[in-house]
PDB file of N, CA and C in Angstrom:
ATOM      1  N   MET A   1       8.441   0.937   8.512  1.00  0.00           N
ATOM      2  CA  MET A   1       7.267   0.194   9.579  1.00  0.00           C
ATOM      3  C   MET A   1       7.815  -1.403  10.060  1.00  0.00           C
ATOM      4  N   ASP A   2       7.348  -1.442  11.409  1.00  0.00           N
ATOM      5  CA  ASP A   2       7.615  -2.695  11.757  1.00  0.00           C
ATOM      6  C   ASP A   2       5.780  -3.301  11.900  1.00  0.00           C
ATOM      7  N   ASP A   3       6.233  -4.982  12.348  1.00  0.00           N
ATOM      8  CA  ASP A   3       5.966  -5.881  12.222  1.00  0.00           C
ATOM      9  C   ASP A   3       4.551  -5.986  13.156  1.00  0.00           C
ATOM     10  N   ALA A   4       4.440  -4.748  14.419  1.00  0.00           N
ATOM     11  CA  ALA A   4       3.108  -4.945  14.829  1.00  0.00           C
ATOM     12  C   ALA A   4       2.527  -3.599  14.174  1.00  0.00           C
ATOM     13  N   ALA A   5       2.983  -3.034  13.527  1.00  0.00           N
ATOM     14  CA  ALA A   5       2.448  -1.968  12.635  1.00  0.00           C
ATOM     15  C   ALA A   5       2.345  -2.852  11.731  1.00  0.00           C
ATOM     16  N   LEU A   6       2.781  -3.053  10.684  1.00  0.00           N
ATOM     17  CA  LEU A   6       2.358  -4.150   9.461  1.00  0.00           C
ATOM     18  C   LEU A   6       0.743  -4.851   9.978  1.00  0.00           C
ATOM     19  N   ASP A   7       1.067  -5.253  11.098  1.00  0.00           N
ATOM     20  CA  ASP A   7      -0.086  -6.175  11.428  1.00  0.00           C
ATOM     21  C   ASP A   7      -1.468  -5.768  11.864  1.00  0.00           C
ATOM     22  N   ALA A   8      -1.350  -4.436  12.837  1.00  0.00           N
ATOM     23  CA  ALA A   8      -2.375  -3.921  12.877  1.00  0.00           C
ATOM     24  C   ALA A   8      -2.784  -3.551  11.922  1.00  0.00           C
ATOM     25  N   TRP A   9      -2.437  -2.754  11.061  1.00  0.00           N
ATOM     26  CA  TRP A   9      -2.910  -2.688   9.193  1.00  0.00           C
ATOM     27  C   TRP A   9      -3.611  -3.318   8.501  1.00  0.00           C
ATOM     28  N   ILE A  10      -2.948  -4.649   8.724  1.00  0.00           N
ATOM     29  CA  ILE A  10      -3.847  -6.157   7.827  1.00  0.00           C
ATOM     30  C   ILE A  10      -5.110  -6.527   9.351  1.00  0.00           C
ATOM     31  N   GLU A  11      -4.706  -6.372  10.063  1.00  0.00           N
ATOM     32  CA  GLU A  11      -6.282  -6.203  10.775  1.00  0.00           C
ATOM     33  C   GLU A  11      -7.205  -5.856  11.317  1.00  0.00           C
ATOM     34  N   ALA A  12      -6.951  -4.008  10.292  1.00  0.00           N
ATOM     35  CA  ALA A  12      -8.025  -3.256  10.499  1.00  0.00           C
ATOM     36  C   ALA A  12      -8.481  -3.573   8.858  1.00  0.00           C
ATOM     37  N   ALA A  13      -7.628  -3.089   8.184  1.00  0.00           N
ATOM     38  CA  ALA A  13      -8.002  -3.287   6.506  1.00  0.00           C
ATOM     39  C   ALA A  13      -8.801  -4.828   6.546  1.00  0.00           C
ATOM     40  N   THR A  14      -8.200  -5.949   6.736  1.00  0.00           N
ATOM     41  CA  THR A  14      -8.938  -7.165   6.709  1.00  0.00           C
ATOM     42  C   THR A  14     -10.427  -6.955   7.751  1.00  0.00           C
ATOM     43  N   ALA A  15     -10.612  -6.545   8.711  1.00  0.00           N
ATOM     44  CA  ALA A  15     -12.129  -6.720   9.657  1.00  0.00           C
ATOM     45  C   ALA A  15     -12.796  -5.371   8.627  1.00  0.00           C
ATOM     46  N   ALA A  16     -12.441  -4.363   7.824  1.00  0.00           N
ATOM     47  CA  ALA A  16     -12.978  -3.630   6.885  1.00  0.00           C
ATOM     48  C   ALA A  16     -13.581  -4.079   6.049  1.00  0.00           C
ATOM     49  N   LEU A  17     -13.044  -5.448   5.641  1.00  0.00           N
ATOM     50  CA  LEU A  17     -13.333  -5.930   4.411  1.00  0.00           C
ATOM     51  C   LEU A  17     -13.807  -7.123   4.278  1.00  0.00           C
ATOM     52  N   GLY A  18     -14.199  -7.830   5.711  1.00  0.00           N
ATOM     53  CA  GLY A  18     -14.804  -8.795   5.726  1.00  0.00           C
ATOM     54  C   GLY A  18     -14.139  -9.940   5.297  1.00  0.00           C
ATOM     55  N   ILE A  19     -13.124 -10.186   4.776  1.00  0.00           N
ATOM     56  CA  ILE A  19     -12.110 -11.021   4.910  1.00  0.00           C
ATOM     57  C   ILE A  19     -10.792 -11.396   5.740  1.00  0.00           C
ATOM     58  N   ALA A  20     -11.315 -13.052   6.093  1.00  0.00           N
ATOM     59  CA  ALA A  20     -11.082 -13.645   7.170  1.00  0.00           C
ATOM     60  C   ALA A  20      -9.386 -14.079   5.914  1.00  0.00           C
ATOM     61  N   VAL A  21      -8.078 -14.452   7.050  1.00  0.00           N
ATOM     62  CA  VAL A  21      -6.778 -14.881   6.809  1.00  0.00           C
ATOM     63  C   VAL A  21      -6.755 -15.554   8.239  1.00  0.00           C
ATOM     64  N   LYS A  22      -5.938 -16.667   6.827  1.00  0.00           N
ATOM     65  CA  LYS A  22      -5.391 -17.529   7.980  1.00  0.00           C
ATOM     66  C   LYS A  22      -4.354 -16.990   8.302  1.00  0.00           C
ATOM     67  N   PRO A  23      -3.931 -18.082  10.058  1.00  0.00           N
ATOM     68  CA  PRO A  23      -2.711 -17.701  10.526  1.00  0.00           C
ATOM     69  C   PRO A  23      -1.170 -17.436   9.657  1.00  0.00           C
ATOM     70  N   GLU A  24      -1.784 -18.616   8.230  1.00  0.00           N
ATOM     71  CA  GLU A  24      -0.378 -18.908   7.675  1.00  0.00           C
ATOM     72  C   GLU A  24       0.265 -18.549   6.958  1.00  0.00           C
ATOM     73  N   TRP A  25      -0.631 -17.004   6.236  1.00  0.00           N
ATOM     74  CA  TRP A  25      -1.057 -16.096   5.446  1.00  0.00           C
ATOM     75  C   TRP A  25      -0.292 -15.178   5.531  1.00  0.00           C
ATOM     76  N   ARG A  26      -0.592 -15.098   6.956  1.00  0.00           N
ATOM     77  CA  ARG A  26      -0.286 -13.881   7.584  1.00  0.00           C
ATOM     78  C   ARG A  26       1.670 -13.138   6.984  1.00  0.00           C
ATOM     79  N   GLN A  27       2.572 -14.262   7.420  1.00  0.00           N
ATOM     80  CA  GLN A  27       3.643 -13.464   6.804  1.00  0.00           C
ATOM     81  C   GLN A  27       3.760 -13.445   5.502  1.00  0.00           C
ATOM     82  N   ALA A  28       3.121 -14.173   4.871  1.00  0.00           N
ATOM     83  CA  ALA A  28       3.475 -13.546   3.622  1.00  0.00           C
ATOM     84  C   ALA A  28       2.426 -12.170   2.944  1.00  0.00           C
ATOM     85  N   ILE A  29       1.046 -12.030   3.629  1.00  0.00           N
ATOM     86  CA  ILE A  29       0.647 -10.532   3.659  1.00  0.00           C
ATOM     87  C   ILE A  29       1.739  -9.773   4.061  1.00  0.00           C
ATOM     88  N   ARG A  30       2.062  -9.971   5.445  1.00  0.00           N
ATOM     89  CA  ARG A  30       2.940  -8.962   5.700  1.00  0.00           C
ATOM     90  C   ARG A  30       4.551  -8.014   5.308  1.00  0.00           C
ATOM     91  N   THR A  31       4.701  -9.629   3.994  1.00  0.00           N
ATOM     92  CA  THR A  31       6.153  -8.607   3.416  1.00  0.00           C
ATOM     93  C   THR A  31       5.189  -8.482   1.876  1.00  0.00           C
ATOM     94  N   HIS A  32       4.474  -8.950   1.272  1.00  0.00           N
ATOM     95  CA  HIS A  32       3.902  -8.034   0.037  1.00  0.00           C
ATOM     96  C   HIS A  32       3.275  -6.590   0.655  1.00  0.00           C
ATOM     97  N   LEU A  33       3.003  -7.073   2.005  1.00  0.00           N
ATOM     98  CA  LEU A  33       2.723  -4.956   2.503  1.00  0.00           C
ATOM     99  C   LEU A  33       3.900  -4.377   2.349  1.00  0.00           C
ATOM    100  N   ALA A  34       5.001  -4.961   3.028  1.00  0.00           N
ATOM    101  CA  ALA A  34       6.118  -4.116   3.200  1.00  0.00           C
ATOM    102  C   ALA A  34       6.746  -3.691   1.601  1.00  0.00           C
ATOM    103  N   ILE A  35       6.495  -4.529   1.048  1.00  0.00           N
ATOM    104  CA  ILE A  35       7.124  -4.645  -0.327  1.00  0.00           C
ATOM    105  C   ILE A  35       5.942  -3.512  -0.192  1.00  0.00           C
ATOM    106  N   SER A  36       5.073  -3.195  -1.083  1.00  0.00           N
ATOM    107  CA  SER A  36       4.001  -2.041  -1.156  1.00  0.00           C
ATOM    108  C   SER A  36       4.453  -0.845  -0.888  1.00  0.00           C
ATOM    109  N   LEU A  37       4.600  -0.903   0.095  1.00  0.00           N
ATOM    110  CA  LEU A  37       4.902   0.338   0.665  1.00  0.00           C
ATOM    111  C   LEU A  37       6.536   1.103   0.914  1.00  0.00           C
ATOM    112  N   GLY A  38       7.653   0.265   0.647  1.00  0.00           N
ATOM    113  CA  GLY A  38       8.571   0.475  -0.119  1.00  0.00           C
ATOM    114  C   GLY A  38       8.293   1.230  -1.563  1.00  0.00           C
ATOM    115  N   HIS A  39       8.134   0.287  -2.326  1.00  0.00           N
ATOM    116  CA  HIS A  39       7.722   0.653  -3.632  1.00  0.00           C
ATOM    117  C   HIS A  39       6.444   2.947  -3.125  1.00  0.00           C
ATOM    118  N   ALA A  40       5.956   2.362  -2.675  1.00  0.00           N
ATOM    119  CA  ALA A  40       5.202   4.179  -2.581  1.00  0.00           C
ATOM    120  C   ALA A  40       6.003   4.829  -1.935  1.00  0.00           C
ATOM    121  N   GLU A  41       6.713   4.512  -1.183  1.00  0.00           N
ATOM    122  CA  GLU A  41       8.055   4.956  -0.713  1.00  0.00           C
ATOM    123  C   GLU A  41       8.857   6.116  -1.711  1.00  0.00           C
ATOM    124  N   THR A  42       9.532   5.143  -2.363  1.00  0.00           N
ATOM    125  CA  THR A  42       9.832   5.963  -4.004  1.00  0.00           C
ATOM    126  C   THR A  42       9.116   6.041  -4.936  1.00  0.00           C
ATOM    127  N   VAL A  43       8.160   5.863  -5.165  1.00  0.00           N
ATOM    128  CA  VAL A  43       7.405   6.849  -5.521  1.00  0.00           C
ATOM    129  C   VAL A  43       6.908   8.789  -5.333  1.00  0.00           C
ATOM    130  N   LEU A  44       6.805   8.156  -4.027  1.00  0.00           N
ATOM    131  CA  LEU A  44       6.347   9.337  -2.962  1.00  0.00           C
ATOM    132  C   LEU A  44       7.702  10.868  -3.262  1.00  0.00           C
ATOM    133  N   ALA A  45       8.915   9.830  -3.328  1.00  0.00           N
ATOM    134  CA  ALA A  45       9.747  10.460  -3.055  1.00  0.00           C
ATOM    135  C   ALA A  45      10.191  11.847  -4.622  1.00  0.00           C
ATOM    136  N   ALA A  46      10.230  10.565  -5.589  1.00  0.00           N
ATOM    137  CA  ALA A  46      10.092  11.741  -6.882  1.00  0.00           C
ATOM    138  C   ALA A  46      10.011  13.404  -6.784  1.00  0.00           C
ATOM    139  N   GLU A  47      10.718  14.204  -7.713  1.00  0.00           N
ATOM    140  CA  GLU A  47      10.331  14.955  -7.423  1.00  0.00           C
ATOM    141  C   GLU A  47       9.644  16.059  -9.039  1.00  0.00           C
ATOM    142  N   LEU A  48       8.572  16.387  -8.835  1.00  0.00           N
ATOM    143  CA  LEU A  48       7.814  16.748 -10.146  1.00  0.00           C
ATOM    144  C   LEU A  48       8.138  18.752 -10.232  1.00  0.00           C
ATOM    145  N   SER A  49       8.600  19.051 -11.530  1.00  0.00           N
ATOM    146  CA  SER A  49       8.678  20.132 -11.642  1.00  0.00           C
ATOM    147  C   SER A  49       7.519  20.736 -11.640  1.00  0.00           C
ATOM    148  N   ASP A  50       7.374  21.974 -11.281  1.00  0.00           N
ATOM    149  CA  ASP A  50       5.959  22.767 -11.111  1.00  0.00           C
ATOM    150  C   ASP A  50       5.519  23.150 -12.401  1.00  0.00           C
ATOM    151  N   HIS A  51       6.195  23.108 -13.512  1.00  0.00           N
ATOM    152  CA  HIS A  51       6.431  23.197 -15.144  1.00  0.00           C
ATOM    153  C   HIS A  51       5.603  21.876 -15.500  1.00  0.00           C
ATOM    154  N   LEU A  52       5.333  21.431 -15.118  1.00  0.00           N
ATOM    155  CA  LEU A  52       4.768  20.187 -15.729  1.00  0.00           C
ATOM    156  C   LEU A  52       3.294  19.571 -15.724  1.00  0.00           C
ATOM    157  N   ASP A  53       2.771  19.455 -16.388  1.00  0.00           N
ATOM    158  CA  ASP A  53       0.662  19.795 -16.948  1.00  0.00           C
ATOM    159  C   ASP A  53       0.546  17.973 -16.415  1.00  0.00           C
ATOM    160  N   PRO A  54      -0.024  17.672 -15.840  1.00  0.00           N
ATOM    161  CA  PRO A  54      -1.100  17.054 -16.117  1.00  0.00           C
ATOM    162  C   PRO A  54      -1.242  16.272 -17.004  1.00  0.00           C
ATOM    163  N   ALA A  55      -2.098  15.440 -17.385  1.00  0.00           N
ATOM    164  CA  ALA A  55      -1.893  13.862 -18.499  1.00  0.00           C
ATOM    165  C   ALA A  55      -3.542  14.614 -19.167  1.00  0.00           C
ATOM    166  N   PRO A  56      -3.822  15.377 -19.909  1.00  0.00           N
ATOM    167  CA  PRO A  56      -5.284  15.197 -20.017  1.00  0.00           C
ATOM    168  C   PRO A  56      -6.266  14.076 -20.007  1.00  0.00           C
ATOM    169  N   VAL A  57      -7.214  14.308 -19.944  1.00  0.00           N
ATOM    170  CA  VAL A  57      -8.051  13.618 -19.410  1.00  0.00           C
ATOM    171  C   VAL A  57      -9.284  13.732 -20.841  1.00  0.00           C
ATOM    172  N   PHE A  58      -9.450  12.116 -20.810  1.00  0.00           N
ATOM    173  CA  PHE A  58     -10.468  12.065 -22.006  1.00  0.00           C
ATOM    174  C   PHE A  58     -11.706  11.969 -21.555  1.00  0.00           C
ATOM    175  N   ARG A  59     -12.745  12.473 -22.108  1.00  0.00           N
ATOM    176  CA  ARG A  59     -14.610  11.516 -21.513  1.00  0.00           C
ATOM    177  C   ARG A  59     -14.446  11.440 -23.153  1.00  0.00           C
ATOM    178  N   ALA A  60     -15.818  10.553 -22.625  1.00  0.00           N
ATOM    179  CA  ALA A  60     -17.099   9.892 -24.025  1.00  0.00           C
ATOM    180  C   ALA A  60     -18.255  10.798 -23.790  1.00  0.00           C
TER     181      ALA A  60
END
């Protein structure tokens, strides 16, 4: 994802959440978002076998 797309995403998210972002924070936010998206790609690329069952859900 290029810087323009990341900036658009940052603008939309901060507007939706009502968060003010100082200009000097933008590069750090962009870097963090790019790294997080890279990790998400790695997780999504992992193929799981169909024979795997989800973990049980315990309710109190």
